């Protein structure tokens, strides 16, 4: 199992982006969370099979219909291991 921290920038708040991430992650069997950041980005921590993570990262470059993604960065996040489910968190 691999864990990634994904940072998405652009017009990604107020467009259903977090809900889209939760649905996509649950559909592909990932665990973790998603939250807005105070600087207007979306942060995702996701753990699972490499193929599922790659699909989430690829999809994150587009997101839901009203989103306008400018950049997606993914980093290894071995320091934190989500263990079950995928949830939305409050803004950090």
PDB file of N, CA and C in Angstrom:
ATOM      1  N   UNK A   1       0.847  -1.182   0.000  1.00  0.00           N
ATOM      2  CA  UNK A   1       0.000   0.000   0.000  1.00  0.00           C
ATOM      3  C   UNK A   1       0.889   1.239   0.000  1.00  0.00           C
ATOM      4  N   UNK A   2       0.521   2.206  -0.825  1.00  0.00           N
ATOM      5  CA  UNK A   2       1.243   3.459  -0.962  1.00  0.00           C
ATOM      6  C   UNK A   2       0.361   4.596  -0.454  1.00  0.00           C
ATOM      7  N   UNK A   3       0.983   5.611   0.139  1.00  0.00           N
ATOM      8  CA  UNK A   3       0.255   6.794   0.600  1.00  0.00           C
ATOM      9  C   UNK A   3       0.806   8.025  -0.105  1.00  0.00           C
ATOM     10  N   UNK A   4      -0.085   8.856  -0.625  1.00  0.00           N
ATOM     11  CA  UNK A   4       0.301  10.087  -1.324  1.00  0.00           C
ATOM     12  C   UNK A   4      -0.437  11.281  -0.745  1.00  0.00           C
ATOM     13  N   UNK A   5       0.267  12.400  -0.665  1.00  0.00           N
ATOM     14  CA  UNK A   5      -0.344  13.690  -0.367  1.00  0.00           C
ATOM     15  C   UNK A   5      -0.423  14.417  -1.706  1.00  0.00           C
ATOM     16  N   UNK A   6      -1.617  14.873  -2.047  1.00  0.00           N
ATOM     17  CA  UNK A   6      -1.864  15.491  -3.348  1.00  0.00           C
ATOM     18  C   UNK A   6      -2.372  16.904  -3.105  1.00  0.00           C
ATOM     19  N   UNK A   7      -1.757  17.877  -3.747  1.00  0.00           N
ATOM     20  CA  UNK A   7      -2.148  19.276  -3.622  1.00  0.00           C
ATOM     21  C   UNK A   7      -2.653  19.734  -4.983  1.00  0.00           C
ATOM     22  N   UNK A   8      -3.884  20.258  -5.001  1.00  0.00           N
ATOM     23  CA  UNK A   8      -4.519  20.670  -6.253  1.00  0.00           C
ATOM     24  C   UNK A   8      -4.797  22.167  -6.168  1.00  0.00           C
ATOM     25  N   UNK A   9      -4.363  22.900  -7.188  1.00  0.00           N
ATOM     26  CA  UNK A   9      -4.603  24.346  -7.207  1.00  0.00           C
ATOM     27  C   UNK A   9      -5.383  24.729  -8.462  1.00  0.00           C
ATOM     28  N   UNK A  10      -5.944  25.917  -8.419  1.00  0.00           N
ATOM     29  CA  UNK A  10      -6.791  26.422  -9.496  1.00  0.00           C
ATOM     30  C   UNK A  10      -8.140  26.804  -8.911  1.00  0.00           C
ATOM     31  N   UNK A  11      -9.184  26.749  -9.725  1.00  0.00           N
ATOM     32  CA  UNK A  11     -10.539  26.986  -9.212  1.00  0.00           C
ATOM     33  C   UNK A  11     -11.089  25.645  -8.747  1.00  0.00           C
ATOM     34  N   UNK A  12     -10.762  25.307  -7.488  1.00  0.00           N
ATOM     35  CA  UNK A  12     -11.103  23.991  -6.968  1.00  0.00           C
ATOM     36  C   UNK A  12     -11.919  24.050  -5.680  1.00  0.00           C
ATOM     37  N   UNK A  13     -12.250  25.234  -5.222  1.00  0.00           N
ATOM     38  CA  UNK A  13     -13.117  25.376  -4.053  1.00  0.00           C
ATOM     39  C   UNK A  13     -14.451  25.967  -4.492  1.00  0.00           C
ATOM     40  N   UNK A  14     -15.517  25.453  -3.886  1.00  0.00           N
ATOM     41  CA  UNK A  14     -16.852  25.934  -4.226  1.00  0.00           C
ATOM     42  C   UNK A  14     -17.420  25.338  -5.506  1.00  0.00           C
ATOM     43  N   UNK A  15     -16.802  24.282  -6.004  1.00  0.00           N
ATOM     44  CA  UNK A  15     -17.251  23.660  -7.256  1.00  0.00           C
ATOM     45  C   UNK A  15     -17.534  22.165  -7.107  1.00  0.00           C
ATOM     46  N   UNK A  16     -17.588  21.666  -5.865  1.00  0.00           N
ATOM     47  CA  UNK A  16     -17.847  20.249  -5.630  1.00  0.00           C
ATOM     48  C   UNK A  16     -16.626  19.358  -5.760  1.00  0.00           C
ATOM     49  N   UNK A  17     -15.457  19.958  -5.704  1.00  0.00           N
ATOM     50  CA  UNK A  17     -14.228  19.184  -5.900  1.00  0.00           C
ATOM     51  C   UNK A  17     -14.037  18.131  -4.809  1.00  0.00           C
ATOM     52  N   UNK A  18     -14.231  18.505  -3.548  1.00  0.00           N
ATOM     53  CA  UNK A  18     -14.040  17.542  -2.457  1.00  0.00           C
ATOM     54  C   UNK A  18     -15.016  16.375  -2.572  1.00  0.00           C
ATOM     55  N   UNK A  19     -16.269  16.653  -2.903  1.00  0.00           N
ATOM     56  CA  UNK A  19     -17.250  15.574  -3.081  1.00  0.00           C
ATOM     57  C   UNK A  19     -16.825  14.644  -4.219  1.00  0.00           C
ATOM     58  N   UNK A  20     -16.325  15.233  -5.291  1.00  0.00           N
ATOM     59  CA  UNK A  20     -15.840  14.436  -6.415  1.00  0.00           C
ATOM     60  C   UNK A  20     -14.697  13.526  -5.970  1.00  0.00           C
ATOM     61  N   UNK A  21     -13.755  14.061  -5.174  1.00  0.00           N
ATOM     62  CA  UNK A  21     -12.630  13.264  -4.682  1.00  0.00           C
ATOM     63  C   UNK A  21     -13.129  12.102  -3.828  1.00  0.00           C
ATOM     64  N   UNK A  22     -14.065  12.377  -2.919  1.00  0.00           N
ATOM     65  CA  UNK A  22     -14.587  11.319  -2.043  1.00  0.00           C
ATOM     66  C   UNK A  22     -15.221  10.209  -2.887  1.00  0.00           C
ATOM     67  N   UNK A  23     -16.063  10.565  -3.841  1.00  0.00           N
ATOM     68  CA  UNK A  23     -16.707   9.550  -4.689  1.00  0.00           C
ATOM     69  C   UNK A  23     -15.673   8.736  -5.471  1.00  0.00           C
ATOM     70  N   UNK A  24     -14.699   9.431  -6.048  1.00  0.00           N
ATOM     71  CA  UNK A  24     -13.672   8.756  -6.843  1.00  0.00           C
ATOM     72  C   UNK A  24     -12.839   7.823  -5.969  1.00  0.00           C
ATOM     73  N   UNK A  25     -12.440   8.291  -4.804  1.00  0.00           N
ATOM     74  CA  UNK A  25     -11.620   7.478  -3.895  1.00  0.00           C
ATOM     75  C   UNK A  25     -12.390   6.254  -3.405  1.00  0.00           C
ATOM     76  N   UNK A  26     -13.637   6.439  -3.038  1.00  0.00           N
ATOM     77  CA  UNK A  26     -14.437   5.314  -2.555  1.00  0.00           C
ATOM     78  C   UNK A  26     -14.651   4.286  -3.658  1.00  0.00           C
ATOM     79  N   UNK A  27     -14.870   4.753  -4.859  1.00  0.00           N
ATOM     80  CA  UNK A  27     -15.101   3.849  -5.995  1.00  0.00           C
ATOM     81  C   UNK A  27     -13.859   3.008  -6.301  1.00  0.00           C
ATOM     82  N   UNK A  28     -12.676   3.553  -6.040  1.00  0.00           N
ATOM     83  CA  UNK A  28     -11.443   2.829  -6.366  1.00  0.00           C
ATOM     84  C   UNK A  28     -10.796   2.162  -5.155  1.00  0.00           C
ATOM     85  N   UNK A  29     -11.463   2.227  -3.987  1.00  0.00           N
ATOM     86  CA  UNK A  29     -10.982   1.523  -2.810  1.00  0.00           C
ATOM     87  C   UNK A  29      -9.878   2.219  -2.034  1.00  0.00           C
ATOM     88  N   UNK A  30      -9.711   3.513  -2.231  1.00  0.00           N
ATOM     89  CA  UNK A  30      -8.691   4.261  -1.497  1.00  0.00           C
ATOM     90  C   UNK A  30      -9.204   4.650  -0.112  1.00  0.00           C
ATOM     91  N   UNK A  31      -8.295   4.829   0.831  1.00  0.00           N
ATOM     92  CA  UNK A  31      -8.627   5.367   2.142  1.00  0.00           C
ATOM     93  C   UNK A  31      -7.942   6.723   2.291  1.00  0.00           C
ATOM     94  N   UNK A  32      -8.485   7.557   3.199  1.00  0.00           N
ATOM     95  CA  UNK A  32      -7.850   8.850   3.430  1.00  0.00           C
ATOM     96  C   UNK A  32      -8.850   9.956   3.643  1.00  0.00           C
ATOM     97  N   UNK A  33      -8.443  11.171   3.222  1.00  0.00           N
ATOM     98  CA  UNK A  33      -9.292  12.345   3.422  1.00  0.00           C
ATOM     99  C   UNK A  33      -8.966  13.427   2.404  1.00  0.00           C
ATOM    100  N   UNK A  34      -9.869  14.403   2.323  1.00  0.00           N
ATOM    101  CA  UNK A  34      -9.690  15.566   1.461  1.00  0.00           C
ATOM    102  C   UNK A  34     -10.175  16.790   2.229  1.00  0.00           C
ATOM    103  N   UNK A  35      -9.500  17.933   2.029  1.00  0.00           N
ATOM    104  CA  UNK A  35      -9.919  19.180   2.680  1.00  0.00           C
ATOM    105  C   UNK A  35      -9.486  20.371   1.849  1.00  0.00           C
ATOM    106  N   UNK A  36     -10.210  21.472   2.027  1.00  0.00           N
ATOM    107  CA  UNK A  36      -9.795  22.745   1.457  1.00  0.00           C
ATOM    108  C   UNK A  36      -8.684  23.321   2.319  1.00  0.00           C
ATOM    109  N   UNK A  37      -7.841  24.142   1.727  1.00  0.00           N
ATOM    110  CA  UNK A  37      -6.839  24.871   2.490  1.00  0.00           C
ATOM    111  C   UNK A  37      -7.197  26.354   2.454  1.00  0.00           C
ATOM    112  N   UNK A  38      -6.713  27.091   3.434  1.00  0.00           N
ATOM    113  CA  UNK A  38      -7.042  28.513   3.520  1.00  0.00           C
ATOM    114  C   UNK A  38      -6.516  29.325   2.345  1.00  0.00           C
ATOM    115  N   UNK A  39      -5.526  28.803   1.643  1.00  0.00           N
ATOM    116  CA  UNK A  39      -4.969  29.542   0.498  1.00  0.00           C
ATOM    117  C   UNK A  39      -5.663  29.205  -0.822  1.00  0.00           C
ATOM    118  N   UNK A  40      -6.799  28.484  -0.772  1.00  0.00           N
ATOM    119  CA  UNK A  40      -7.600  28.241  -1.967  1.00  0.00           C
ATOM    120  C   UNK A  40      -7.321  26.937  -2.684  1.00  0.00           C
ATOM    121  N   UNK A  41      -6.438  26.125  -2.151  1.00  0.00           N
ATOM    122  CA  UNK A  41      -6.141  24.838  -2.783  1.00  0.00           C
ATOM    123  C   UNK A  41      -6.944  23.726  -2.116  1.00  0.00           C
ATOM    124  N   UNK A  42      -6.810  22.517  -2.645  1.00  0.00           N
ATOM    125  CA  UNK A  42      -7.399  21.324  -2.051  1.00  0.00           C
ATOM    126  C   UNK A  42      -6.251  20.373  -1.739  1.00  0.00           C
ATOM    127  N   UNK A  43      -6.286  19.797  -0.530  1.00  0.00           N
ATOM    128  CA  UNK A  43      -5.270  18.838  -0.101  1.00  0.00           C
ATOM    129  C   UNK A  43      -5.929  17.471   0.058  1.00  0.00           C
ATOM    130  N   UNK A  44      -5.272  16.451  -0.460  1.00  0.00           N
ATOM    131  CA  UNK A  44      -5.778  15.086  -0.412  1.00  0.00           C
ATOM    132  C   UNK A  44      -4.695  14.196   0.202  1.00  0.00           C
ATOM    133  N   UNK A  45      -5.081  13.346   1.124  1.00  0.00           N
ATOM    134  CA  UNK A  45      -4.200  12.283   1.599  1.00  0.00           C
ATOM    135  C   UNK A  45      -4.897  10.984   1.240  1.00  0.00           C
ATOM    136  N   UNK A  46      -4.256  10.181   0.400  1.00  0.00           N
ATOM    137  CA  UNK A  46      -4.891   8.959  -0.082  1.00  0.00           C
ATOM    138  C   UNK A  46      -3.917   7.792  -0.003  1.00  0.00           C
ATOM    139  N   UNK A  47      -4.447   6.632   0.399  1.00  0.00           N
ATOM    140  CA  UNK A  47      -3.636   5.427   0.495  1.00  0.00           C
ATOM    141  C   UNK A  47      -4.346   4.287  -0.214  1.00  0.00           C
ATOM    142  N   UNK A  48      -3.561   3.448  -0.875  1.00  0.00           N
ATOM    143  CA  UNK A  48      -4.135   2.304  -1.564  1.00  0.00           C
ATOM    144  C   UNK A  48      -3.181   1.737  -2.582  1.00  0.00           C
ATOM    145  N   UNK A  49      -3.742   0.980  -3.493  1.00  0.00           N
ATOM    146  CA  UNK A  49      -2.950   0.364  -4.553  1.00  0.00           C
ATOM    147  C   UNK A  49      -2.444   1.434  -5.516  1.00  0.00           C
ATOM    148  N   UNK A  50      -1.259   1.196  -6.076  1.00  0.00           N
ATOM    149  CA  UNK A  50      -0.635   2.171  -6.968  1.00  0.00           C
ATOM    150  C   UNK A  50      -1.533   2.552  -8.147  1.00  0.00           C
ATOM    151  N   UNK A  51      -2.242   1.571  -8.711  1.00  0.00           N
ATOM    152  CA  UNK A  51      -3.096   1.851  -9.871  1.00  0.00           C
ATOM    153  C   UNK A  51      -4.242   2.789  -9.495  1.00  0.00           C
ATOM    154  N   UNK A  52      -4.829   2.570  -8.317  1.00  0.00           N
ATOM    155  CA  UNK A  52      -5.934   3.418  -7.859  1.00  0.00           C
ATOM    156  C   UNK A  52      -5.437   4.837  -7.573  1.00  0.00           C
ATOM    157  N   UNK A  53      -4.260   4.956  -6.975  1.00  0.00           N
ATOM    158  CA  UNK A  53      -3.690   6.279  -6.722  1.00  0.00           C
ATOM    159  C   UNK A  53      -3.383   7.004  -8.027  1.00  0.00           C
ATOM    160  N   UNK A  54      -2.836   6.282  -8.981  1.00  0.00           N
ATOM    161  CA  UNK A  54      -2.536   6.885 -10.283  1.00  0.00           C
ATOM    162  C   UNK A  54      -3.812   7.374 -10.958  1.00  0.00           C
ATOM    163  N   UNK A  55      -4.895   6.609 -10.848  1.00  0.00           N
ATOM    164  CA  UNK A  55      -6.177   7.023 -11.434  1.00  0.00           C
ATOM    165  C   UNK A  55      -6.711   8.273 -10.753  1.00  0.00           C
ATOM    166  N   UNK A  56      -6.584   8.350  -9.422  1.00  0.00           N
ATOM    167  CA  UNK A  56      -7.037   9.545  -8.701  1.00  0.00           C
ATOM    168  C   UNK A  56      -6.218  10.760  -9.113  1.00  0.00           C
ATOM    169  N   UNK A  57      -4.909  10.610  -9.179  1.00  0.00           N
ATOM    170  CA  UNK A  57      -4.045  11.733  -9.555  1.00  0.00           C
ATOM    171  C   UNK A  57      -4.340  12.196 -10.978  1.00  0.00           C
ATOM    172  N   UNK A  58      -4.539  11.257 -11.883  1.00  0.00           N
ATOM    173  CA  UNK A  58      -4.867  11.613 -13.263  1.00  0.00           C
ATOM    174  C   UNK A  58      -6.214  12.335 -13.331  1.00  0.00           C
ATOM    175  N   UNK A  59      -7.209  11.785 -12.642  1.00  0.00           N
ATOM    176  CA  UNK A  59      -8.524  12.415 -12.630  1.00  0.00           C
ATOM    177  C   UNK A  59      -8.523  13.768 -11.961  1.00  0.00           C
ATOM    178  N   UNK A  60      -7.661  13.944 -10.960  1.00  0.00           N
ATOM    179  CA  UNK A  60      -7.583  15.212 -10.228  1.00  0.00           C
ATOM    180  C   UNK A  60      -7.159  16.366 -11.129  1.00  0.00           C
ATOM    181  N   UNK A  61      -6.534  16.062 -12.251  1.00  0.00           N
ATOM    182  CA  UNK A  61      -6.106  17.101 -13.176  1.00  0.00           C
ATOM    183  C   UNK A  61      -7.284  17.747 -13.890  1.00  0.00           C
ATOM    184  N   UNK A  62      -8.441  17.096 -13.824  1.00  0.00           N
ATOM    185  CA  UNK A  62      -9.672  17.640 -14.408  1.00  0.00           C
ATOM    186  C   UNK A  62     -10.707  17.910 -13.331  1.00  0.00           C
ATOM    187  N   UNK A  63     -10.960  16.908 -12.469  1.00  0.00           N
ATOM    188  CA  UNK A  63     -11.939  17.061 -11.399  1.00  0.00           C
ATOM    189  C   UNK A  63     -13.356  17.157 -11.936  1.00  0.00           C
ATOM    190  N   UNK A  64     -14.271  17.730 -11.136  1.00  0.00           N
ATOM    191  CA  UNK A  64     -15.658  17.863 -11.578  1.00  0.00           C
ATOM    192  C   UNK A  64     -15.785  18.952 -12.652  1.00  0.00           C
ATOM    193  N   UNK A  65     -16.939  18.983 -13.305  1.00  0.00           N
ATOM    194  CA  UNK A  65     -17.149  19.863 -14.457  1.00  0.00           C
ATOM    195  C   UNK A  65     -16.854  21.337 -14.264  1.00  0.00           C
ATOM    196  N   UNK A  66     -17.174  21.908 -13.099  1.00  0.00           N
ATOM    197  CA  UNK A  66     -16.977  23.344 -12.913  1.00  0.00           C
ATOM    198  C   UNK A  66     -15.574  23.707 -12.431  1.00  0.00           C
ATOM    199  N   UNK A  67     -14.772  22.724 -12.091  1.00  0.00           N
ATOM    200  CA  UNK A  67     -13.404  22.990 -11.625  1.00  0.00           C
ATOM    201  C   UNK A  67     -12.524  23.409 -12.798  1.00  0.00           C
ATOM    202  N   UNK A  68     -11.529  24.219 -12.486  1.00  0.00           N
ATOM    203  CA  UNK A  68     -10.506  24.608 -13.455  1.00  0.00           C
ATOM    204  C   UNK A  68      -9.163  24.393 -12.776  1.00  0.00           C
ATOM    205  N   UNK A  69      -8.605  23.214 -12.973  1.00  0.00           N
ATOM    206  CA  UNK A  69      -7.384  22.824 -12.278  1.00  0.00           C
ATOM    207  C   UNK A  69      -6.177  23.440 -12.972  1.00  0.00           C
ATOM    208  N   UNK A  70      -5.341  24.113 -12.175  1.00  0.00           N
ATOM    209  CA  UNK A  70      -4.119  24.710 -12.702  1.00  0.00           C
ATOM    210  C   UNK A  70      -2.916  23.798 -12.496  1.00  0.00           C
ATOM    211  N   UNK A  71      -2.887  23.078 -11.364  1.00  0.00           N
ATOM    212  CA  UNK A  71      -1.720  22.264 -11.048  1.00  0.00           C
ATOM    213  C   UNK A  71      -2.089  21.161 -10.068  1.00  0.00           C
ATOM    214  N   UNK A  72      -1.468  19.994 -10.239  1.00  0.00           N
ATOM    215  CA  UNK A  72      -1.609  18.873  -9.312  1.00  0.00           C
ATOM    216  C   UNK A  72      -0.208  18.399  -8.960  1.00  0.00           C
ATOM    217  N   UNK A  73       0.083  18.374  -7.661  1.00  0.00           N
ATOM    218  CA  UNK A  73       1.373  17.882  -7.184  1.00  0.00           C
ATOM    219  C   UNK A  73       1.108  16.697  -6.263  1.00  0.00           C
ATOM    220  N   UNK A  74       1.876  15.635  -6.429  1.00  0.00           N
ATOM    221  CA  UNK A  74       1.722  14.444  -5.581  1.00  0.00           C
ATOM    222  C   UNK A  74       3.068  14.097  -4.960  1.00  0.00           C
ATOM    223  N   UNK A  75       3.039  13.833  -3.659  1.00  0.00           N
ATOM    224  CA  UNK A  75       4.243  13.522  -2.908  1.00  0.00           C
ATOM    225  C   UNK A  75       4.021  12.247  -2.103  1.00  0.00           C
ATOM    226  N   UNK A  76       5.095  11.505  -1.869  1.00  0.00           N
ATOM    227  CA  UNK A  76       5.016  10.359  -0.963  1.00  0.00           C
ATOM    228  C   UNK A  76       4.681  10.877   0.433  1.00  0.00           C
ATOM    229  N   UNK A  77       3.824  10.173   1.134  1.00  0.00           N
ATOM    230  CA  UNK A  77       3.398  10.588   2.483  1.00  0.00           C
ATOM    231  C   UNK A  77       3.436   9.384   3.410  1.00  0.00           C
ATOM    232  N   UNK A  78       4.598   8.834   3.576  1.00  0.00           N
ATOM    233  CA  UNK A  78       4.739   7.634   4.387  1.00  0.00           C
ATOM    234  C   UNK A  78       4.591   7.901   5.871  1.00  0.00           C
ATOM    235  N   UNK A  79       4.549   9.180   6.273  1.00  0.00           N
ATOM    236  CA  UNK A  79       4.453   9.535   7.686  1.00  0.00           C
ATOM    237  C   UNK A  79       3.040   9.389   8.242  1.00  0.00           C
ATOM    238  N   UNK A  80       2.036   9.302   7.375  1.00  0.00           N
ATOM    239  CA  UNK A  80       0.648   9.207   7.824  1.00  0.00           C
ATOM    240  C   UNK A  80      -0.043   8.091   7.058  1.00  0.00           C
ATOM    241  N   UNK A  81      -0.722   7.216   7.783  1.00  0.00           N
ATOM    242  CA  UNK A  81      -1.380   6.061   7.167  1.00  0.00           C
ATOM    243  C   UNK A  81      -2.869   6.052   7.497  1.00  0.00           C
ATOM    244  N   UNK A  82      -3.721   6.541   6.589  1.00  0.00           N
ATOM    245  CA  UNK A  82      -5.161   6.421   6.838  1.00  0.00           C
ATOM    246  C   UNK A  82      -5.556   4.955   6.816  1.00  0.00           C
ATOM    247  N   UNK A  83      -6.421   4.545   7.734  1.00  0.00           N
ATOM    248  CA  UNK A  83      -6.677   3.116   7.843  1.00  0.00           C
ATOM    249  C   UNK A  83      -8.019   2.648   7.301  1.00  0.00           C
ATOM    250  N   UNK A  84      -9.038   3.504   7.265  1.00  0.00           N
ATOM    251  CA  UNK A  84     -10.302   3.034   6.696  1.00  0.00           C
ATOM    252  C   UNK A  84     -11.146   4.209   6.237  1.00  0.00           C
ATOM    253  N   UNK A  85     -11.915   3.962   5.210  1.00  0.00           N
ATOM    254  CA  UNK A  85     -12.827   4.973   4.703  1.00  0.00           C
ATOM    255  C   UNK A  85     -12.142   6.151   4.038  1.00  0.00           C
ATOM    256  N   UNK A  86     -12.952   7.019   3.464  1.00  0.00           N
ATOM    257  CA  UNK A  86     -12.452   8.246   2.837  1.00  0.00           C
ATOM    258  C   UNK A  86     -13.428   9.348   3.194  1.00  0.00           C
ATOM    259  N   UNK A  87     -12.933  10.434   3.799  1.00  0.00           N
ATOM    260  CA  UNK A  87     -13.810  11.467   4.347  1.00  0.00           C
ATOM    261  C   UNK A  87     -13.387  12.872   3.909  1.00  0.00           C
ATOM    262  N   UNK A  88     -14.331  13.795   4.063  1.00  0.00           N
ATOM    263  CA  UNK A  88     -14.045  15.221   3.910  1.00  0.00           C
ATOM    264  C   UNK A  88     -13.677  15.764   5.285  1.00  0.00           C
ATOM    265  N   UNK A  89     -12.677  16.632   5.319  1.00  0.00           N
ATOM    266  CA  UNK A  89     -12.282  17.290   6.563  1.00  0.00           C
ATOM    267  C   UNK A  89     -12.545  18.787   6.448  1.00  0.00           C
ATOM    268  N   UNK A  90     -12.541  19.443   7.608  1.00  0.00           N
ATOM    269  CA  UNK A  90     -12.702  20.885   7.627  1.00  0.00           C
ATOM    270  C   UNK A  90     -11.468  21.567   7.048  1.00  0.00           C
ATOM    271  N   UNK A  91     -11.634  22.797   6.611  1.00  0.00           N
ATOM    272  CA  UNK A  91     -10.557  23.600   6.055  1.00  0.00           C
ATOM    273  C   UNK A  91      -9.403  23.720   7.037  1.00  0.00           C
ATOM    274  N   UNK A  92      -8.200  23.607   6.517  1.00  0.00           N
ATOM    275  CA  UNK A  92      -7.007  23.740   7.371  1.00  0.00           C
ATOM    276  C   UNK A  92      -6.159  24.907   6.910  1.00  0.00           C
TER     277      UNK A  92
END
